[in-house]
Amino acid sequence: MLEVFTPFTMFNRINLLLLLLLCLVYQSGNTPKSLTEEKGGNATLTCEFEARKYFKIELTSKSENIPVCQEKNCSGRVFKQEACDVIIKDLKLNDSGKYLLRAYYYNDQSEVKHKERTYQLQIRDETTVKIGEELKLHVLFSNADKVEKNSSGKWSEVWNTSHGVQSERMNVSDGNLIINGFTAHDAGTYRVLDAKGDILITVTVTETNKETNTERDTDGQHKHRIVYVLVSLGILVLVLAVMIGVVIWRRRNRRYIQAPVQENPEPPQVLGNL
């Protein structure tokens, strides 16, 4: 049976295509912009909107409003730059996640309008642990869903919100993923993902069996200090021994000199006449 195309049918199909196209454009415009920054560094959320005078900037993350300083001289960690860019200074691991930026302006009819953009911020960090010590990764924030470790190019899950840790040597405390008795096998790259599979945090863990320069210097200074103390004590003991010997010798010599000479009690004999 042949389908009859009427003007009404064509109109509906055109509307449907326009609606699908609009949805695609909307989804494309709201695709989060991925940012990867180092812990302790800065992140710039560029709005990239057309040139306008934006009178208000709003920033939200994890369903919370983040105060944005919009003055010229700002001392806080989050502040506006240029027309509508937002800078986040001194990045912390819990700064990772999705952000929504809204920039408000007045249109030609003096009506309040806004444009918005989303961002996915990943924070990278690295740490070094000695063999046998405790590894503590402070990465289990509210938006963390699971933690994976890269072993030989493959990612394996070591923790998730449903089943917890996957090893007897691991435990969780105060938002920390703790590995007890760190081994060379535990070294590698750990990443934290949210419920949608987006990467939040990446931590590179390396092992060390060697002392740092500071530790070597400290140990050397400690050994030198011990040697110095022992030598000083030895010299002091030697000096005291010599002084005691001199005192004893002088006392004995003084007693010998001062001792009275024993006189002969018998009177001298007088020789008689021969």
Protein backbone atom coordinates (compact mmCIF):
# COMPACT_ATOMS: atom_id res chain seq x y z
CA MET A 1 0.00 0.00 0.00
CA LEU A 2 1.44 3.30 -1.09
CA GLU A 3 1.66 6.06 1.50
CA VAL A 4 -0.06 9.25 0.48
CA PHE A 5 1.98 12.37 1.27
CA THR A 6 -0.28 15.22 2.13
CA PRO A 7 0.85 18.75 3.06
CA PHE A 8 -0.09 17.97 6.67
CA THR A 9 2.13 14.85 6.70
CA MET A 10 5.04 16.72 5.17
CA PHE A 11 4.60 19.51 7.73
CA ASN A 12 4.70 17.03 10.62
CA ARG A 13 7.83 15.35 9.29
CA ILE A 14 9.59 18.65 8.79
CA ASN A 15 8.71 19.64 12.36
CA LEU A 16 10.04 16.32 13.64
CA LEU A 17 13.32 16.75 11.76
CA LEU A 18 13.68 20.30 13.07
CA LEU A 19 13.02 19.07 16.59
CA LEU A 20 15.66 16.35 16.26
CA LEU A 21 18.13 18.85 14.83
CA LEU A 22 17.40 21.22 17.71
CA CYS A 23 18.01 18.42 20.21
CA LEU A 24 21.32 17.56 18.56
CA VAL A 25 22.41 21.19 18.63
CA TYR A 26 21.36 21.49 22.28
CA GLN A 27 23.23 18.35 23.25
CA SER A 28 26.31 19.49 21.35
CA GLY A 29 26.22 22.87 23.06
CA ASN A 30 25.93 21.28 26.51
CA THR A 31 28.59 18.63 26.12
CA PRO A 32 30.96 19.12 29.06
CA LYS A 33 34.31 20.59 28.20
CA SER A 34 37.05 18.34 29.60
CA LEU A 35 39.81 19.94 31.65
CA THR A 36 42.80 18.17 33.21
CA GLU A 37 44.93 20.07 35.71
CA GLU A 38 47.55 19.32 38.36
CA LYS A 39 46.86 19.45 42.08
CA GLY A 40 47.98 22.83 43.41
CA GLY A 41 47.67 24.47 40.00
CA ASN A 42 44.93 26.61 38.47
CA ALA A 43 41.94 25.79 36.27
CA THR A 44 40.37 28.23 33.81
CA LEU A 45 36.70 27.71 32.94
CA THR A 46 36.45 29.65 29.69
CA CYS A 47 32.90 30.67 28.81
CA GLU A 48 33.63 31.40 25.11
CA PHE A 49 30.31 33.22 24.71
CA GLU A 50 29.81 36.09 22.30
CA ALA A 51 31.03 39.46 23.50
CA ARG A 52 28.49 40.93 25.90
CA LYS A 53 28.45 42.72 29.19
CA TYR A 54 27.68 39.98 31.67
CA PHE A 55 26.55 41.43 34.97
CA LYS A 56 26.47 38.20 36.98
CA ILE A 57 28.34 34.90 36.97
CA GLU A 58 27.06 31.78 38.73
CA LEU A 59 29.02 28.57 39.25
CA THR A 60 27.61 25.32 40.63
CA SER A 61 29.16 21.93 41.32
CA LYS A 62 27.83 18.87 43.13
CA SER A 63 24.48 20.69 43.49
CA GLU A 64 26.13 23.48 45.45
CA ASN A 65 26.60 27.13 44.57
CA ILE A 66 30.24 28.22 44.52
CA PRO A 67 30.82 31.90 45.36
CA VAL A 68 32.63 33.65 42.52
CA CYS A 69 34.46 36.88 43.31
CA GLN A 70 33.59 39.38 40.59
CA GLU A 71 35.53 42.39 41.85
CA LYS A 72 38.77 43.70 40.39
CA ASN A 73 40.99 42.67 43.30
CA CYS A 74 40.02 39.22 44.56
CA SER A 75 41.86 37.25 47.21
CA GLY A 76 39.71 34.11 47.11
CA ARG A 77 40.32 30.87 45.22
CA VAL A 78 37.47 31.38 42.72
CA PHE A 79 37.11 34.61 40.77
CA LYS A 80 35.97 36.03 37.44
CA GLN A 81 38.42 36.99 34.72
CA GLU A 82 37.76 38.91 31.52
CA ALA A 83 34.07 38.95 30.51
CA CYS A 84 32.89 35.66 31.98
CA ASP A 85 35.81 33.26 32.49
CA VAL A 86 36.19 31.72 35.95
CA ILE A 87 39.54 30.88 37.56
CA ILE A 88 39.93 28.27 40.31
CA LYS A 89 43.27 28.64 42.11
CA ASP A 90 45.26 26.20 44.24
CA LEU A 91 43.36 23.14 43.04
CA LYS A 92 42.52 20.45 45.56
CA LEU A 93 41.51 16.87 44.81
CA ASN A 94 37.92 17.53 45.90
CA ASP A 95 37.67 20.28 43.26
CA SER A 96 37.31 17.56 40.64
CA GLY A 97 33.96 16.93 39.01
CA LYS A 98 31.35 18.62 36.86
CA TYR A 99 30.77 22.39 36.86
CA LEU A 100 27.94 24.46 35.44
CA LEU A 101 28.68 28.09 34.59
CA ARG A 102 25.89 30.61 33.97
CA ALA A 103 26.54 34.11 32.66
CA TYR A 104 23.66 36.61 32.92
CA TYR A 105 23.16 39.62 30.64
CA TYR A 106 20.49 42.01 29.34
CA ASN A 107 19.25 41.65 25.77
CA ASP A 108 18.19 44.50 23.51
CA GLN A 109 14.78 44.55 25.18
CA SER A 110 16.41 44.90 28.63
CA GLU A 111 15.31 41.38 29.51
CA VAL A 112 17.50 39.19 31.72
CA LYS A 113 18.94 36.29 29.76
CA HIS A 114 21.71 33.84 30.46
CA LYS A 115 24.06 31.46 28.71
CA GLU A 116 25.50 28.36 30.30
CA ARG A 117 28.24 25.84 29.79
CA THR A 118 29.36 22.68 31.59
CA TYR A 119 32.87 21.47 32.37
CA GLN A 120 34.38 18.18 33.54
CA LEU A 121 37.45 18.88 35.67
CA GLN A 122 39.99 16.12 36.33
CA ILE A 123 42.75 16.61 38.92
CA ARG A 124 46.08 14.79 38.66
CA ASP A 125 48.43 14.07 41.54
CA GLU A 126 51.44 11.90 42.34
CA THR A 127 52.92 10.44 45.51
CA THR A 128 55.84 8.27 46.60
CA VAL A 129 55.63 5.53 49.23
CA LYS A 130 58.26 3.35 50.85
CA ILE A 131 57.91 -0.42 50.72
CA GLY A 132 56.08 -1.70 53.78
CA GLU A 133 54.54 1.64 54.71
CA GLU A 134 50.87 2.66 54.56
CA LEU A 135 49.50 4.24 51.38
CA LYS A 136 46.67 6.66 52.02
CA LEU A 137 44.75 8.08 49.04
CA HIS A 138 42.35 10.85 50.06
CA VAL A 139 40.10 10.46 47.01
CA LEU A 140 36.76 9.03 48.16
CA PHE A 141 34.63 12.16 47.92
CA SER A 142 30.85 12.36 47.58
CA ASN A 143 30.92 12.07 43.77
CA ALA A 144 33.30 9.08 43.68
CA ASP A 145 31.70 5.85 42.45
CA LYS A 146 34.69 3.56 41.98
CA VAL A 147 38.49 3.43 41.99
CA GLU A 148 40.53 1.58 39.38
CA LYS A 149 44.23 0.68 39.17
CA ASN A 150 46.24 0.27 36.01
CA SER A 151 48.22 -2.97 35.94
CA SER A 152 50.15 -3.90 32.79
CA GLY A 153 47.99 -1.62 30.68
CA LYS A 154 44.68 -2.96 32.04
CA TRP A 155 42.37 -1.26 34.50
CA SER A 156 41.13 -3.32 37.41
CA GLU A 157 38.62 -2.19 40.03
CA VAL A 158 39.90 -1.95 43.60
CA TRP A 159 36.95 -0.16 45.25
CA ASN A 160 33.35 0.79 44.51
CA THR A 161 30.44 2.22 46.44
CA SER A 162 28.45 -1.03 46.27
CA HIS A 163 31.00 -3.64 47.38
CA GLY A 164 33.76 -1.61 49.00
CA VAL A 165 37.41 -2.68 48.78
CA GLN A 166 38.55 -5.66 46.71
CA SER A 167 41.57 -6.65 48.82
CA GLU A 168 42.12 -7.69 52.43
CA ARG A 169 45.02 -5.25 52.69
CA MET A 170 42.73 -2.34 51.87
CA ASN A 171 40.30 -0.42 54.02
CA VAL A 172 38.41 2.87 53.97
CA SER A 173 38.54 5.57 56.64
CA ASP A 174 37.38 9.22 56.55
CA GLY A 175 37.31 9.39 52.77
CA ASN A 176 40.70 7.70 52.44
CA LEU A 177 41.45 4.54 50.50
CA ILE A 178 44.19 2.90 52.59
CA ILE A 179 46.57 0.16 51.45
CA ASN A 180 48.44 -1.49 54.31
CA GLY A 181 51.96 -2.87 53.86
CA PHE A 182 52.70 -1.19 50.51
CA THR A 183 54.44 -3.47 47.99
CA ALA A 184 55.99 -2.94 44.57
CA HIS A 185 52.87 -4.50 43.06
CA ASP A 186 50.76 -1.68 44.53
CA ALA A 187 52.67 0.96 42.57
CA GLY A 188 50.98 2.34 39.47
CA THR A 189 48.22 4.69 38.41
CA TYR A 190 44.94 4.95 40.31
CA ARG A 191 41.91 6.75 38.95
CA VAL A 192 38.60 7.74 40.51
CA LEU A 193 35.42 7.73 38.40
CA ASP A 194 31.94 9.06 39.02
CA ALA A 195 28.68 7.20 38.40
CA LYS A 196 28.73 8.17 34.70
CA GLY A 197 32.24 6.87 34.17
CA ASP A 198 33.87 10.29 33.96
CA ILE A 199 37.37 10.50 35.43
CA LEU A 200 37.59 12.69 38.54
CA ILE A 201 41.08 12.09 39.94
CA THR A 202 44.23 10.37 38.70
CA VAL A 203 47.03 9.58 41.15
CA THR A 204 50.38 8.12 40.11
CA VAL A 205 51.98 6.11 42.93
CA THR A 206 55.66 5.15 42.83
CA GLU A 207 57.66 3.04 45.25
CA THR A 208 60.99 3.92 46.81
CA ASN A 209 63.54 1.83 48.70
CA LYS A 210 66.15 4.56 48.85
CA GLU A 211 66.54 7.32 51.35
CA THR A 212 66.04 10.85 50.15
CA ASN A 213 68.90 13.35 50.20
CA THR A 214 67.35 15.00 53.23
CA GLU A 215 67.17 11.71 55.09
CA ARG A 216 70.76 10.89 54.18
CA ASP A 217 71.92 14.31 55.32
CA THR A 218 70.00 13.93 58.56
CA ASP A 219 71.47 10.47 59.20
CA GLY A 220 74.97 11.74 58.39
CA GLN A 221 74.60 14.66 60.75
CA HIS A 222 73.32 12.31 63.45
CA LYS A 223 76.28 9.95 63.02
CA HIS A 224 78.75 12.83 63.06
CA ARG A 225 77.14 14.16 66.21
CA ILE A 226 77.47 10.76 67.92
CA VAL A 227 81.15 10.48 66.92
CA TYR A 228 81.81 14.00 68.18
CA VAL A 229 80.17 13.23 71.54
CA LEU A 230 82.11 9.95 71.94
CA VAL A 231 85.44 11.59 71.08
CA SER A 232 84.72 14.46 73.47
CA LEU A 233 83.85 12.03 76.26
CA GLY A 234 87.03 10.03 75.57
CA ILE A 235 89.19 13.15 75.76
CA LEU A 236 87.45 14.25 78.94
CA VAL A 237 88.00 10.85 80.58
CA LEU A 238 91.67 10.90 79.54
CA VAL A 239 92.19 14.40 80.96
CA LEU A 240 90.49 13.42 84.20
CA ALA A 241 92.65 10.29 84.47
CA VAL A 242 95.84 12.33 83.96
CA MET A 243 94.74 14.93 86.52
CA ILE A 244 93.89 12.23 89.07
CA GLY A 245 97.27 10.55 88.46
CA VAL A 246 99.12 13.84 88.96
CA VAL A 247 97.26 14.56 92.20
CA ILE A 248 98.01 11.09 93.57
CA TRP A 249 101.70 11.36 92.62
CA ARG A 250 102.07 14.78 94.24
CA ARG A 251 100.45 13.61 97.46
CA ARG A 252 102.71 10.59 97.70
CA ASN A 253 105.80 12.68 96.99
CA ARG A 254 104.79 15.24 99.63
CA ARG A 255 104.39 12.55 102.29
CA TYR A 256 107.83 11.18 101.51
CA ILE A 257 109.54 14.55 101.88
CA GLN A 258 107.73 15.50 105.08
CA ALA A 259 108.35 12.16 106.88
CA PRO A 260 110.76 12.68 110.02
CA VAL A 261 114.20 11.02 110.00
CA GLN A 262 114.42 8.32 112.69
CA GLU A 263 117.24 9.10 115.27
CA ASN A 264 119.53 6.48 116.86
CA PRO A 265 118.37 6.04 120.50
CA GLU A 266 121.73 4.60 121.75
CA PRO A 267 124.32 7.11 122.99
CA PRO A 268 127.69 7.10 121.33
CA GLN A 269 130.23 4.78 122.87
CA VAL A 270 133.37 6.33 124.39
CA LEU A 271 136.50 4.40 123.73
CA GLY A 272 138.54 3.77 126.79
CA ASN A 273 142.23 4.13 127.18
CA LEU A 274 144.10 1.50 125.50
